[in-house]
Amino acid sequence: MEKIFKTIDEQVQILKDKNLIIEDIDYTKDVLLRDNYFFLMGYRAIFMRPKENKFISGVTFNELYALFIFDRNFRNIILKNILVIENQLKSIISYQLSKKYGYKEKDYLNVKNFTSDRTKIRRVKDLIDKMKRQIRINSATHNATMHYLTHYGYIPLWVLVKVLSFGIVCELYTILKDEDQDSIAEIFGTTPEMLSDILIILSNYRNLCAHEDIVYEHRTERIIPDTKYHELLNIPKMDGEYIYGKNDLFSVIIIFKILLSKKDFRLMMKEIEYEIELLDGKVDSIQINKVLDRMGFPENYIEIIGR
């Protein structure tokens, strides 16, 4: 069926027809105009009757919008901390490679500096080409790269990483020699295998956050390996697999536990706890545990701080 344009008044009526309680018509109209009916309806599923296109009894527009705002605030918390890790990863990789292979692009972009795994040869060449392309693009547009190229005739890696996307830097890690991957993973206090997996997941969530997609119930294709935190929190299993913290939002929290400093992690968890408690106070038609389940959060999620 073709989707046609609906006025704000028509959108309000559609919501009423779906059994949603509208407590303040003017407020609802203003929200729909500013925040988009389509975006808001992306949060309806948790409030809907199974296999019906109707809201469960008692759901209000304010509750639907509260979940929308909760996801927006949560998205900002996640993005802020991914950026911390992104900056650290860029700094550590550029330091390690520059120290070992040199600080001029002809040195650090030498194909011999990367893995000799035959299955990754094409990826190595493609990534080197991507990085050279970023040098060409930014040499005349980005202040830092322009400065180094004008005054020194080259762009060191610790400057180049500033203009590289998180996705490219994550990919860069996966094509490094084993010993370089080991050194970088050791600084983060984890293994190369674990770091490779979690960087892919973080890159996925960074893109979600940047494009303001729904985060709270997102699932990734890649899963993280079992960690000690799954066991310490007594996360239940189904068919031998943990039901939380594998490819959901709580898996990102576990990743942050591994990569962030204790102080940064504690501050982040207090922000998260505040947002969850705030949502709990605004939503009455469903239990907050239903939201936590969608997020992949165990009820004792806050205990991860002290683990």
Protein backbone atom coordinates (compact mmCIF):
# COMPACT_ATOMS: atom_id res chain seq x y z
CA MET A 1 0.00 0.00 0.00
CA GLU A 2 1.31 3.44 -0.91
CA LYS A 3 2.24 5.71 1.99
CA ILE A 4 0.92 9.22 1.50
CA PHE A 5 1.56 12.50 3.30
CA LYS A 6 -0.35 13.01 6.54
CA THR A 7 -0.89 16.33 8.29
CA ILE A 8 -0.06 16.68 11.98
CA ASP A 9 -3.77 16.51 12.82
CA GLU A 10 -4.08 13.30 10.79
CA GLN A 11 -1.03 11.85 12.57
CA VAL A 12 -2.62 12.58 15.95
CA GLN A 13 -5.80 10.84 14.85
CA ILE A 14 -3.85 7.79 13.67
CA LEU A 15 -2.23 7.55 17.11
CA LYS A 16 -5.64 7.79 18.78
CA ASP A 17 -6.98 5.09 16.47
CA LYS A 18 -4.11 2.87 17.60
CA ASN A 19 -5.32 3.20 21.20
CA LEU A 20 -2.63 5.72 22.27
CA ILE A 21 -3.76 8.18 24.93
CA ILE A 22 -3.11 11.82 23.98
CA GLU A 23 -3.04 13.90 27.17
CA ASP A 24 -2.06 17.25 25.63
CA ILE A 25 -3.01 17.79 21.99
CA ASP A 26 -0.94 20.95 21.46
CA TYR A 27 2.16 19.42 23.06
CA THR A 28 1.75 16.26 20.99
CA LYS A 29 1.43 18.25 17.77
CA ASP A 30 4.56 20.24 18.59
CA VAL A 31 6.56 17.08 19.28
CA LEU A 32 5.37 15.41 16.08
CA LEU A 33 6.36 18.48 14.07
CA ARG A 34 9.82 18.78 15.64
CA ASP A 35 10.77 15.14 16.14
CA ASN A 36 8.98 13.38 13.27
CA TYR A 37 6.12 10.88 13.48
CA PHE A 38 8.15 8.21 11.66
CA PHE A 39 11.09 8.48 14.12
CA LEU A 40 8.81 8.34 17.16
CA MET A 41 6.91 5.32 15.87
CA GLY A 42 10.18 3.42 15.74
CA TYR A 43 9.78 3.11 19.53
CA ARG A 44 6.23 1.77 19.57
CA ALA A 45 6.92 -1.99 19.47
CA ILE A 46 7.55 -2.39 23.20
CA PHE A 47 4.16 -0.75 23.92
CA MET A 48 2.13 -2.73 21.36
CA ARG A 49 -0.14 -5.74 21.76
CA PRO A 50 1.43 -8.88 20.30
CA LYS A 51 0.46 -9.37 16.63
CA GLU A 52 -1.84 -6.34 16.74
CA ASN A 53 -1.41 -2.81 15.48
CA LYS A 54 -2.75 -1.37 18.72
CA PHE A 55 -1.09 -0.01 21.85
CA ILE A 56 -1.67 -1.88 25.08
CA SER A 57 -4.20 -0.34 27.46
CA GLY A 58 -3.08 2.80 29.25
CA VAL A 59 -0.11 3.79 27.07
CA THR A 60 0.24 7.55 26.69
CA PHE A 61 2.00 9.65 24.10
CA ASN A 62 4.17 11.03 26.89
CA GLU A 63 5.42 7.51 27.65
CA LEU A 64 6.26 6.87 24.00
CA TYR A 65 8.11 10.18 23.83
CA ALA A 66 9.89 9.44 27.13
CA LEU A 67 11.38 6.29 25.58
CA PHE A 68 12.39 8.32 22.53
CA ILE A 69 14.18 10.86 24.74
CA PHE A 70 15.72 8.08 26.83
CA ASP A 71 17.23 6.53 23.71
CA ARG A 72 18.53 9.91 22.55
CA ASN A 73 20.23 10.55 25.89
CA PHE A 74 21.59 7.00 26.03
CA ARG A 75 22.91 7.38 22.49
CA ASN A 76 24.79 10.51 23.54
CA ILE A 77 26.34 8.69 26.51
CA ILE A 78 27.46 5.81 24.29
CA LEU A 79 28.86 8.08 21.58
CA LYS A 80 30.75 10.23 24.08
CA ASN A 81 32.56 7.21 25.48
CA ILE A 82 33.20 5.62 22.08
CA LEU A 83 34.94 8.86 21.12
CA VAL A 84 37.17 8.53 24.18
CA ILE A 85 38.19 5.03 23.06
CA GLU A 86 38.54 6.18 19.45
CA ASN A 87 40.99 8.90 20.45
CA GLN A 88 42.99 6.48 22.61
CA LEU A 89 43.12 3.88 19.82
CA LYS A 90 44.32 6.46 17.30
CA SER A 91 46.96 7.72 19.71
CA ILE A 92 48.27 4.26 20.62
CA ILE A 93 48.34 2.91 17.06
CA SER A 94 50.08 6.00 15.68
CA TYR A 95 52.65 5.91 18.49
CA GLN A 96 53.39 2.20 18.12
CA LEU A 97 53.70 2.27 14.33
CA SER A 98 55.64 5.53 14.17
CA LYS A 99 58.12 4.30 16.76
CA LYS A 100 58.66 1.05 14.89
CA TYR A 101 58.38 1.97 11.21
CA GLY A 102 58.95 5.72 10.94
CA TYR A 103 56.87 8.88 10.93
CA LYS A 104 56.77 9.73 7.22
CA GLU A 105 53.99 8.29 5.06
CA LYS A 106 56.46 6.54 2.75
CA ASP A 107 57.69 4.68 5.85
CA TYR A 108 54.56 3.86 7.84
CA LEU A 109 52.49 3.04 4.73
CA ASN A 110 54.98 0.50 3.44
CA VAL A 111 53.12 -2.74 2.67
CA LYS A 112 55.91 -4.69 4.42
CA ASN A 113 54.81 -3.22 7.76
CA PHE A 114 51.53 -5.13 7.70
CA THR A 115 50.42 -8.73 7.98
CA SER A 116 51.78 -11.20 5.45
CA ASP A 117 48.63 -13.33 5.71
CA ARG A 118 47.76 -14.12 2.09
CA THR A 119 44.03 -13.91 2.81
CA LYS A 120 44.46 -10.27 3.86
CA ILE A 121 46.80 -9.01 1.10
CA ARG A 122 43.95 -7.33 -0.79
CA ARG A 123 42.67 -5.69 2.41
CA VAL A 124 46.16 -4.38 3.19
CA LYS A 125 46.50 -2.77 -0.24
CA ASP A 126 42.98 -1.36 -0.15
CA LEU A 127 43.49 0.18 3.28
CA ILE A 128 46.82 1.73 2.32
CA ASP A 129 45.06 3.26 -0.70
CA LYS A 130 42.30 4.61 1.57
CA MET A 131 44.85 6.24 3.86
CA LYS A 132 46.76 7.75 0.90
CA ARG A 133 43.46 9.09 -0.40
CA GLN A 134 42.80 10.79 2.94
CA ILE A 135 46.24 12.38 2.72
CA ARG A 136 45.40 13.77 -0.74
CA ILE A 137 41.96 14.99 0.31
CA ASN A 138 43.01 16.62 3.58
CA SER A 139 46.40 17.99 2.55
CA ALA A 140 44.69 21.14 1.26
CA THR A 141 41.66 21.32 3.56
CA HIS A 142 42.58 20.27 7.12
CA ASN A 143 44.66 22.73 9.15
CA ALA A 144 46.95 20.17 10.81
CA THR A 145 47.71 18.21 7.63
CA MET A 146 48.20 21.44 5.66
CA HIS A 147 50.63 22.71 8.27
CA TYR A 148 52.84 19.63 8.26
CA LEU A 149 52.81 19.26 4.50
CA THR A 150 53.63 22.95 3.97
CA HIS A 151 56.37 23.21 6.59
CA TYR A 152 57.84 19.70 6.63
CA GLY A 153 56.81 18.07 3.38
CA TYR A 154 55.13 15.05 5.00
CA ILE A 155 52.20 14.12 7.24
CA PRO A 156 53.12 12.00 10.28
CA LEU A 157 50.77 9.22 11.30
CA TRP A 158 49.87 10.91 14.60
CA VAL A 159 48.45 13.77 12.51
CA LEU A 160 46.88 11.61 9.80
CA VAL A 161 44.81 9.60 12.31
CA LYS A 162 42.99 12.81 13.18
CA VAL A 163 41.24 12.73 9.80
CA LEU A 164 40.79 8.96 9.57
CA SER A 165 37.37 7.53 10.40
CA PHE A 166 37.00 5.18 13.34
CA GLY A 167 36.08 2.46 10.86
CA ILE A 168 39.36 2.85 8.97
CA VAL A 169 41.39 2.83 12.20
CA CYS A 170 39.59 -0.31 13.40
CA GLU A 171 40.31 -1.96 10.05
CA LEU A 172 43.92 -0.84 10.30
CA TYR A 173 44.29 -2.74 13.57
CA THR A 174 43.07 -5.98 11.96
CA ILE A 175 45.80 -5.93 9.26
CA LEU A 176 48.75 -5.20 11.54
CA LYS A 177 51.43 -7.79 12.17
CA ASP A 178 50.69 -10.13 15.07
CA GLU A 179 53.34 -8.61 17.28
CA ASP A 180 51.94 -5.11 16.73
CA GLN A 181 48.41 -6.27 17.50
CA ASP A 182 49.74 -7.92 20.66
CA SER A 183 51.46 -4.74 21.84
CA ILE A 184 48.37 -2.57 21.29
CA ALA A 185 45.98 -5.07 22.86
CA GLU A 186 48.25 -5.37 25.90
CA ILE A 187 48.00 -1.62 26.49
CA PHE A 188 44.21 -1.96 26.53
CA GLY A 189 44.47 -4.91 28.89
CA THR A 190 42.91 -7.45 26.55
CA THR A 191 43.77 -9.94 23.79
CA PRO A 192 44.17 -9.21 20.06
CA GLU A 193 41.24 -11.51 19.27
CA MET A 194 38.98 -9.76 21.75
CA LEU A 195 40.08 -6.30 20.65
CA SER A 196 39.42 -7.12 16.98
CA ASP A 197 35.88 -8.26 17.78
CA ILE A 198 34.96 -5.39 20.05
CA LEU A 199 36.32 -2.71 17.72
CA ILE A 200 33.97 -3.96 15.00
CA ILE A 201 31.05 -3.74 17.43
CA LEU A 202 32.04 -0.25 18.60
CA SER A 203 32.36 0.92 15.01
CA ASN A 204 28.84 -0.33 14.33
CA TYR A 205 27.43 1.49 17.36
CA ARG A 206 29.34 4.65 16.49
CA ASN A 207 27.64 4.74 13.11
CA LEU A 208 24.25 4.16 14.75
CA CYS A 209 24.83 7.01 17.17
CA ALA A 210 26.09 9.38 14.48
CA HIS A 211 22.98 8.78 12.39
CA GLU A 212 20.62 8.94 15.39
CA ASP A 213 19.29 5.43 14.82
CA ILE A 214 17.56 3.45 17.57
CA VAL A 215 20.22 2.20 19.97
CA TYR A 216 18.53 0.72 23.04
CA GLU A 217 17.33 -2.50 21.35
CA HIS A 218 19.94 -2.79 18.59
CA ARG A 219 21.64 -6.12 17.95
CA THR A 220 24.93 -6.58 16.09
CA GLU A 221 25.87 -9.46 13.81
CA ARG A 222 29.21 -9.83 15.60
CA ILE A 223 29.15 -11.17 19.17
CA ILE A 224 31.75 -10.67 21.85
CA PRO A 225 33.42 -13.71 23.40
CA ASP A 226 32.34 -14.75 26.91
CA THR A 227 34.04 -12.64 29.57
CA LYS A 228 34.51 -12.91 33.31
CA TYR A 229 31.80 -10.27 33.71
CA HIS A 230 29.15 -12.60 32.27
CA GLU A 231 30.01 -15.07 35.00
CA LEU A 232 30.45 -12.56 37.81
CA LEU A 233 27.01 -11.06 37.18
CA ASN A 234 25.46 -14.55 37.04
CA ILE A 235 23.90 -13.81 33.65
CA PRO A 236 21.55 -16.69 32.83
CA LYS A 237 22.12 -18.99 29.89
CA MET A 238 19.86 -20.55 27.29
CA ASP A 239 21.09 -23.54 25.27
CA GLY A 240 24.54 -22.96 26.74
CA GLU A 241 24.74 -19.31 25.65
CA TYR A 242 24.48 -16.20 27.80
CA ILE A 243 21.21 -14.41 27.05
CA TYR A 244 22.60 -10.93 27.80
CA GLY A 245 25.82 -9.15 26.95
CA LYS A 246 26.74 -10.84 23.68
CA ASN A 247 25.52 -8.70 20.77
CA ASP A 248 23.23 -6.25 22.55
CA LEU A 249 23.67 -2.91 24.25
CA PHE A 250 24.96 -4.55 27.42
CA SER A 251 27.79 -6.08 25.38
CA VAL A 252 28.86 -2.49 24.70
CA ILE A 253 28.82 -1.81 28.44
CA ILE A 254 31.10 -4.83 28.93
CA ILE A 255 33.38 -3.46 26.20
CA PHE A 256 33.53 -0.13 28.01
CA LYS A 257 34.35 -1.99 31.23
CA ILE A 258 37.34 -3.52 29.45
CA LEU A 259 38.60 -0.42 27.63
CA LEU A 260 37.72 2.63 29.72
CA SER A 261 39.52 3.78 32.84
CA LYS A 262 37.82 2.89 36.13
CA LYS A 263 36.93 6.54 36.69
CA ASP A 264 35.43 7.05 33.24
CA PHE A 265 33.50 3.80 33.46
CA ARG A 266 32.08 4.63 36.87
CA LEU A 267 30.95 8.07 35.70
CA MET A 268 29.33 6.57 32.62
CA MET A 269 27.44 3.96 34.64
CA LYS A 270 26.10 6.63 37.00
CA GLU A 271 24.80 8.54 33.97
CA ILE A 272 23.18 5.36 32.65
CA GLU A 273 21.63 4.54 36.02
CA TYR A 274 20.17 8.06 36.19
CA GLU A 275 18.61 7.78 32.72
CA ILE A 276 17.08 4.38 33.51
CA GLU A 277 15.63 5.64 36.79
CA LEU A 278 14.30 8.74 35.03
CA LEU A 279 12.55 6.62 32.40
CA ASP A 280 11.15 4.31 35.10
CA GLY A 281 9.52 7.34 36.72
CA LYS A 282 7.87 8.38 33.46
CA VAL A 283 6.56 5.05 32.18
CA ASP A 284 3.75 3.23 34.01
CA SER A 285 2.13 1.04 31.34
CA ILE A 286 5.10 -1.34 31.17
CA GLN A 287 7.70 -2.44 33.70
CA ILE A 288 11.22 -1.02 33.39
CA ASN A 289 12.52 -4.59 33.30
CA LYS A 290 10.88 -4.95 29.90
CA VAL A 291 13.05 -2.09 28.63
CA LEU A 292 16.14 -3.56 30.30
CA ASP A 293 15.45 -6.88 28.60
CA ARG A 294 15.29 -5.16 25.20
CA MET A 295 18.65 -3.57 26.00
CA GLY A 296 20.16 -6.86 27.06
CA PHE A 297 20.66 -5.50 30.59
CA PRO A 298 20.40 -7.94 33.51
CA GLU A 299 18.44 -6.54 36.47
CA ASN A 300 21.69 -6.32 38.48
CA TYR A 301 23.50 -4.46 35.66
CA ILE A 302 24.85 -1.77 38.00
CA GLU A 303 26.95 -4.37 39.88
CA ILE A 304 29.38 -4.44 36.98
CA ILE A 305 30.93 -1.26 38.41
CA GLY A 306 32.50 -3.15 41.30
CA ARG A 307 33.42 -6.30 39.41
